[in-house]
Amino acid sequence: MREKKSMKRLLLIMLLLSLSYAAFTVTALDVTVDVNEDGSADITEDLFLLITTDYHISVYTNGLTQNDLASWGSLTGLSDVRYHVDNRIVDVQNVVVRPQPVSRCNPLADLCHGELKISYRVDAYRDKNGEAINNSGLFLADEYKPRTTQYTLNSGALSFEESDLGDVILGENERLTFMLPEMSTLIEVAPLPEGITKDEIRDFKELSWENTVLARFNIVFEGEESLDAEVLQFFLNAREGINELVSGPEGPALIILIVIIIGGYLHLQGKVKRVKK
């Protein structure tokens, strides 16, 4: 009995020592990907922390005015203070860190809990004409029929721990959630989230996984553009084309030609009316 009690005390001391040494420890990670209708996404990462020692609690509290990744990465020394996408494949925009005040503090144990909310937007890299560059973006778009675009997850754009086969590994207390557009239809998802069967997937807009290996991870959904939106886009494109033509080097000559044609037409119409009279 004494040996067991001694062992427990030793383990407790080792745990406390490890916590005091690792002043900032990640206790959970929650990544939510809110997908937009064009395949871009707004991502929020909640990083939950355990902070030990008065000094580091003070460091965290004094850093609450900082809202950039570099500052918080340096302040905590944690490799998880980052965005979990690959910026070689996706264009990461508007990165903001919103630290939350400490909570659930235990003065006797000299520890507090903290939270970092990291938000950013991701999109495909685009050329000077605004067209997505091949194989970039979180979702790859395929407009395979009129008014219908199919979006397929570009799994290489994610940046989590990976297995030897390249599968995404979600560790303990790590959760990944995808929120699909309201007007989309889910076509395929693998692996299936817990509690969802293959026959039910078309009805789901929220997909979530945690503490698992995402083998051959894939999400495919379709978005259909309304006929009204397509007609509106046609006229917008036509207007842009006319504006570009008129503002180009041939613009003045084109305007003069149009005026001559319209003037000639009106003149002929006037002659026809006089002849009829």
Protein backbone atom coordinates (compact mmCIF):
# COMPACT_ATOMS: atom_id res chain seq x y z
CA MET A 1 0.00 0.00 0.00
CA ARG A 2 2.79 2.38 0.96
CA GLU A 3 4.54 1.67 -2.35
CA LYS A 4 1.34 2.47 -4.29
CA LYS A 5 0.84 5.73 -2.36
CA SER A 6 4.45 6.69 -2.96
CA MET A 7 4.10 5.94 -6.65
CA LYS A 8 0.95 8.09 -6.88
CA ARG A 9 2.69 10.97 -5.10
CA LEU A 10 5.67 10.65 -7.42
CA LEU A 11 3.41 10.70 -10.49
CA LEU A 12 1.56 13.75 -9.14
CA ILE A 13 4.83 15.57 -8.48
CA MET A 14 6.07 14.69 -11.99
CA LEU A 15 2.80 15.96 -13.48
CA LEU A 16 3.01 19.24 -11.56
CA LEU A 17 6.66 19.65 -12.53
CA SER A 18 5.87 19.01 -16.21
CA LEU A 19 3.04 21.55 -16.09
CA SER A 20 5.24 24.16 -14.44
CA TYR A 21 7.96 23.56 -17.02
CA ALA A 22 5.49 23.68 -19.92
CA ALA A 23 4.08 27.07 -18.91
CA PHE A 24 1.59 26.98 -21.80
CA THR A 25 -0.06 23.67 -22.68
CA VAL A 26 -2.70 23.05 -25.36
CA THR A 27 -5.63 21.15 -23.85
CA ALA A 28 -7.95 21.19 -26.89
CA LEU A 29 -8.20 22.43 -30.47
CA ASP A 30 -11.50 23.10 -32.25
CA VAL A 31 -11.31 24.06 -35.97
CA THR A 32 -14.51 25.18 -37.72
CA VAL A 33 -14.53 25.65 -41.51
CA ASP A 34 -17.52 27.72 -42.69
CA VAL A 35 -17.59 27.09 -46.45
CA ASN A 36 -18.92 29.81 -48.77
CA GLU A 37 -20.94 29.22 -51.94
CA ASP A 38 -17.88 29.89 -54.14
CA GLY A 39 -15.69 27.31 -52.35
CA SER A 40 -13.77 29.83 -50.24
CA ALA A 41 -14.11 29.52 -46.46
CA ASP A 42 -14.05 31.47 -43.22
CA ILE A 43 -12.14 29.47 -40.61
CA THR A 44 -12.16 29.82 -36.83
CA GLU A 45 -9.74 27.94 -34.61
CA ASP A 46 -10.29 27.77 -30.84
CA LEU A 47 -7.09 26.90 -29.02
CA PHE A 48 -7.67 26.09 -25.34
CA LEU A 49 -4.69 26.54 -23.03
CA LEU A 50 -3.57 25.60 -19.55
CA ILE A 51 -1.27 28.29 -18.11
CA THR A 52 0.94 27.59 -15.09
CA THR A 53 2.92 29.91 -12.77
CA ASP A 54 1.97 33.46 -11.79
CA TYR A 55 4.60 34.83 -14.12
CA HIS A 56 3.19 33.19 -17.25
CA ILE A 57 -0.39 33.99 -16.25
CA SER A 58 0.76 37.62 -16.06
CA VAL A 59 2.50 37.30 -19.45
CA TYR A 60 -0.72 35.96 -20.99
CA THR A 61 -2.86 38.68 -19.40
CA ASN A 62 -0.50 41.45 -20.51
CA GLY A 63 -0.63 40.06 -24.05
CA LEU A 64 -4.41 40.36 -24.39
CA THR A 65 -3.99 43.47 -26.58
CA GLN A 66 -1.97 41.49 -29.18
CA ASN A 67 -3.98 40.13 -32.12
CA ASP A 68 -1.41 38.63 -34.50
CA LEU A 69 -0.05 35.09 -34.80
CA ALA A 70 3.61 36.03 -34.61
CA SER A 71 3.21 37.73 -31.22
CA TRP A 72 1.26 34.84 -29.71
CA GLY A 73 3.55 32.22 -31.20
CA SER A 74 6.50 33.98 -29.56
CA LEU A 75 4.66 34.60 -26.30
CA THR A 76 3.51 31.00 -25.76
CA GLY A 77 6.23 29.11 -27.62
CA LEU A 78 3.54 26.74 -28.93
CA SER A 79 3.78 25.25 -32.43
CA ASP A 80 -0.03 24.94 -32.54
CA VAL A 81 -0.44 28.73 -32.56
CA ARG A 82 -0.81 28.80 -36.34
CA TYR A 83 -3.42 28.27 -39.04
CA HIS A 84 -4.05 24.62 -39.89
CA VAL A 85 -3.98 25.08 -43.66
CA ASP A 86 -1.07 25.09 -46.11
CA ASN A 87 -0.49 28.62 -47.42
CA ARG A 88 1.36 27.20 -50.42
CA ILE A 89 -1.98 25.86 -51.63
CA VAL A 90 -4.51 28.35 -50.25
CA ASP A 91 -4.46 32.12 -50.10
CA VAL A 92 -4.78 32.96 -46.38
CA GLN A 93 -6.29 36.38 -45.70
CA ASN A 94 -7.26 38.56 -42.73
CA VAL A 95 -5.64 36.50 -39.96
CA VAL A 96 -6.70 37.78 -36.53
CA VAL A 97 -6.03 36.35 -33.05
CA ARG A 98 -8.57 37.19 -30.35
CA PRO A 99 -7.24 36.12 -26.92
CA GLN A 100 -9.84 35.56 -24.22
CA PRO A 101 -9.36 36.55 -20.55
CA VAL A 102 -8.13 33.84 -18.19
CA SER A 103 -10.76 31.71 -16.49
CA ARG A 104 -11.11 28.82 -14.00
CA CYS A 105 -8.05 29.95 -12.10
CA ASN A 106 -6.78 27.88 -9.17
CA PRO A 107 -4.52 30.01 -6.94
CA LEU A 108 -3.46 26.99 -4.90
CA ALA A 109 -2.26 25.09 -7.98
CA ASP A 110 -0.94 28.33 -9.53
CA LEU A 111 -2.73 27.79 -12.84
CA CYS A 112 -5.40 29.33 -15.10
CA HIS A 113 -7.11 28.48 -18.36
CA GLY A 114 -6.85 30.64 -21.47
CA GLU A 115 -8.25 30.59 -24.98
CA LEU A 116 -7.05 31.91 -28.34
CA LYS A 117 -9.58 32.40 -31.13
CA ILE A 118 -7.79 32.49 -34.49
CA SER A 119 -9.90 33.56 -37.47
CA TYR A 120 -9.01 33.91 -41.15
CA ARG A 121 -10.36 33.52 -44.66
CA VAL A 122 -9.00 31.11 -47.28
CA ASP A 123 -9.45 31.17 -51.04
CA ALA A 124 -7.76 29.87 -54.16
CA TYR A 125 -4.79 31.80 -55.52
CA ARG A 126 -6.00 33.76 -58.53
CA ASP A 127 -4.41 35.14 -61.69
CA LYS A 128 -4.70 38.75 -62.86
CA ASN A 129 -8.08 37.97 -64.44
CA GLY A 130 -9.45 36.66 -61.16
CA GLU A 131 -9.44 33.02 -62.30
CA ALA A 132 -8.45 30.37 -59.76
CA ILE A 133 -4.98 28.91 -60.31
CA ASN A 134 -5.01 25.14 -60.88
CA ASN A 135 -4.99 22.94 -57.76
CA SER A 136 -5.12 25.89 -55.37
CA GLY A 137 -7.86 26.55 -52.85
CA LEU A 138 -9.53 24.53 -50.10
CA PHE A 139 -12.12 23.23 -52.58
CA LEU A 140 -11.55 22.59 -56.29
CA ALA A 141 -14.42 23.79 -58.49
CA ASP A 142 -15.76 21.97 -61.56
CA GLU A 143 -18.62 23.63 -63.45
CA TYR A 144 -19.57 20.39 -65.15
CA LYS A 145 -22.99 21.51 -66.37
CA PRO A 146 -24.83 24.84 -66.79
CA ARG A 147 -25.53 26.63 -63.49
CA THR A 148 -24.13 23.69 -61.47
CA THR A 149 -20.67 23.59 -59.89
CA GLN A 150 -19.20 20.63 -58.03
CA TYR A 151 -16.72 21.38 -55.23
CA THR A 152 -14.21 18.73 -54.10
CA LEU A 153 -12.09 19.05 -50.97
CA ASN A 154 -8.44 19.70 -51.72
CA SER A 155 -7.26 17.65 -48.72
CA GLY A 156 -3.63 18.64 -49.29
CA ALA A 157 -4.62 22.19 -48.32
CA LEU A 158 -5.12 21.11 -44.70
CA SER A 159 -2.19 21.18 -42.29
CA PHE A 160 -2.69 18.68 -39.46
CA GLU A 161 -0.55 15.79 -38.30
CA GLU A 162 -0.45 13.12 -41.02
CA SER A 163 0.03 9.35 -41.12
CA ASP A 164 2.65 7.70 -43.33
CA LEU A 165 -0.10 7.34 -45.98
CA GLY A 166 -0.87 11.06 -45.89
CA ASP A 167 -4.13 10.70 -43.93
CA VAL A 168 -5.15 13.51 -41.57
CA ILE A 169 -4.75 12.60 -37.88
CA LEU A 170 -6.95 14.36 -35.33
CA GLY A 171 -5.40 13.84 -31.91
CA GLU A 172 -7.12 13.62 -28.57
CA ASN A 173 -9.30 16.71 -27.94
CA GLU A 174 -8.88 17.85 -31.56
CA ARG A 175 -12.09 18.48 -33.51
CA LEU A 176 -12.58 19.49 -37.16
CA THR A 177 -15.98 20.75 -38.34
CA PHE A 178 -17.14 21.72 -41.83
CA MET A 179 -20.23 23.91 -42.27
CA LEU A 180 -21.51 23.64 -45.87
CA PRO A 181 -23.47 26.40 -47.69
CA GLU A 182 -27.21 26.36 -46.99
CA MET A 183 -28.12 26.06 -50.69
CA SER A 184 -25.68 23.21 -51.40
CA THR A 185 -26.18 19.45 -51.75
CA LEU A 186 -23.71 17.06 -50.14
CA ILE A 187 -22.71 14.36 -52.65
CA GLU A 188 -19.93 12.44 -50.92
CA VAL A 189 -18.06 12.41 -47.64
CA ALA A 190 -15.36 10.02 -46.41
CA PRO A 191 -14.92 8.87 -43.78
CA LEU A 192 -18.51 9.28 -42.58
CA PRO A 193 -18.84 11.32 -39.37
CA GLU A 194 -20.04 9.35 -36.38
CA GLY A 195 -23.82 8.93 -36.35
CA ILE A 196 -24.35 9.57 -40.08
CA THR A 197 -25.14 6.85 -42.61
CA LYS A 198 -24.38 7.01 -46.33
CA ASP A 199 -28.09 7.31 -47.17
CA GLU A 200 -28.45 10.40 -44.96
CA ILE A 201 -25.55 12.53 -46.13
CA ARG A 202 -27.52 14.67 -48.62
CA ASP A 203 -29.52 16.11 -45.71
CA PHE A 204 -26.49 17.26 -43.68
CA LYS A 205 -24.83 20.67 -43.75
CA GLU A 206 -22.61 20.19 -40.67
CA LEU A 207 -19.88 17.53 -40.59
CA SER A 208 -17.66 16.95 -37.58
CA TRP A 209 -14.82 14.59 -36.61
CA GLU A 210 -12.62 14.30 -33.53
CA ASN A 211 -9.89 12.05 -32.16
CA THR A 212 -9.69 9.94 -35.31
CA VAL A 213 -7.73 9.23 -38.48
CA LEU A 214 -9.41 10.69 -41.56
CA ALA A 215 -8.44 8.00 -44.05
CA ARG A 216 -8.79 9.12 -47.68
CA PHE A 217 -10.48 12.26 -46.44
CA ASN A 218 -12.90 13.74 -48.97
CA ILE A 219 -15.92 16.03 -49.14
CA VAL A 220 -17.86 16.70 -52.36
CA PHE A 221 -20.83 19.03 -52.61
CA GLU A 222 -22.74 20.78 -55.39
CA GLY A 223 -23.99 24.33 -55.66
CA GLU A 224 -26.61 25.34 -58.22
CA GLU A 225 -26.95 28.90 -59.41
CA SER A 226 -30.52 30.16 -59.91
CA LEU A 227 -31.69 31.11 -63.42
CA ASP A 228 -32.21 34.71 -62.30
CA ALA A 229 -28.60 34.92 -61.10
CA GLU A 230 -27.36 33.50 -64.41
CA VAL A 231 -29.37 36.07 -66.43
CA LEU A 232 -28.12 38.87 -64.20
CA GLN A 233 -24.53 37.68 -64.60
CA PHE A 234 -24.98 37.61 -68.40
CA PHE A 235 -26.01 41.26 -68.48
CA LEU A 236 -23.24 42.24 -66.06
CA ASN A 237 -20.67 40.51 -68.27
CA ALA A 238 -22.18 42.16 -71.37
CA ARG A 239 -21.96 45.56 -69.71
CA GLU A 240 -18.35 44.96 -68.70
CA GLY A 241 -17.55 43.89 -72.27
CA ILE A 242 -19.12 47.04 -73.70
CA ASN A 243 -17.31 49.23 -71.18
CA GLU A 244 -13.97 47.62 -72.04
CA LEU A 245 -14.65 48.04 -75.77
CA VAL A 246 -15.69 51.68 -75.48
CA SER A 247 -12.82 52.60 -73.15
CA GLY A 248 -10.27 50.90 -75.43
CA PRO A 249 -8.23 52.54 -78.22
CA GLU A 250 -11.00 51.84 -80.77
CA GLY A 251 -13.65 53.35 -78.48
CA PRO A 252 -14.00 56.84 -80.03
CA ALA A 253 -14.15 55.44 -83.59
CA LEU A 254 -16.74 52.87 -82.48
CA ILE A 255 -18.92 55.57 -80.88
CA ILE A 256 -18.77 57.68 -84.06
CA LEU A 257 -19.70 54.63 -86.15
CA ILE A 258 -22.68 53.84 -83.91
CA VAL A 259 -23.87 57.48 -84.13
CA ILE A 260 -23.58 57.38 -87.94
CA ILE A 261 -25.53 54.11 -88.15
CA ILE A 262 -28.30 55.33 -85.85
CA GLY A 263 -28.40 58.71 -87.63
CA GLY A 264 -28.60 57.00 -91.02
CA TYR A 265 -31.38 54.70 -89.81
CA LEU A 266 -33.43 57.61 -88.45
CA HIS A 267 -32.86 59.58 -91.65
CA LEU A 268 -34.10 56.67 -93.82
CA GLN A 269 -37.10 56.18 -91.56
CA GLY A 270 -37.98 59.86 -92.00
CA LYS A 271 -37.74 59.55 -95.81
CA VAL A 272 -39.98 56.46 -95.82
CA LYS A 273 -42.64 58.27 -93.82
CA ARG A 274 -42.59 61.28 -96.18
CA VAL A 275 -42.92 59.02 -99.24
CA LYS A 276 -45.96 57.27 -97.70
CA LYS A 277 -47.61 60.63 -97.11
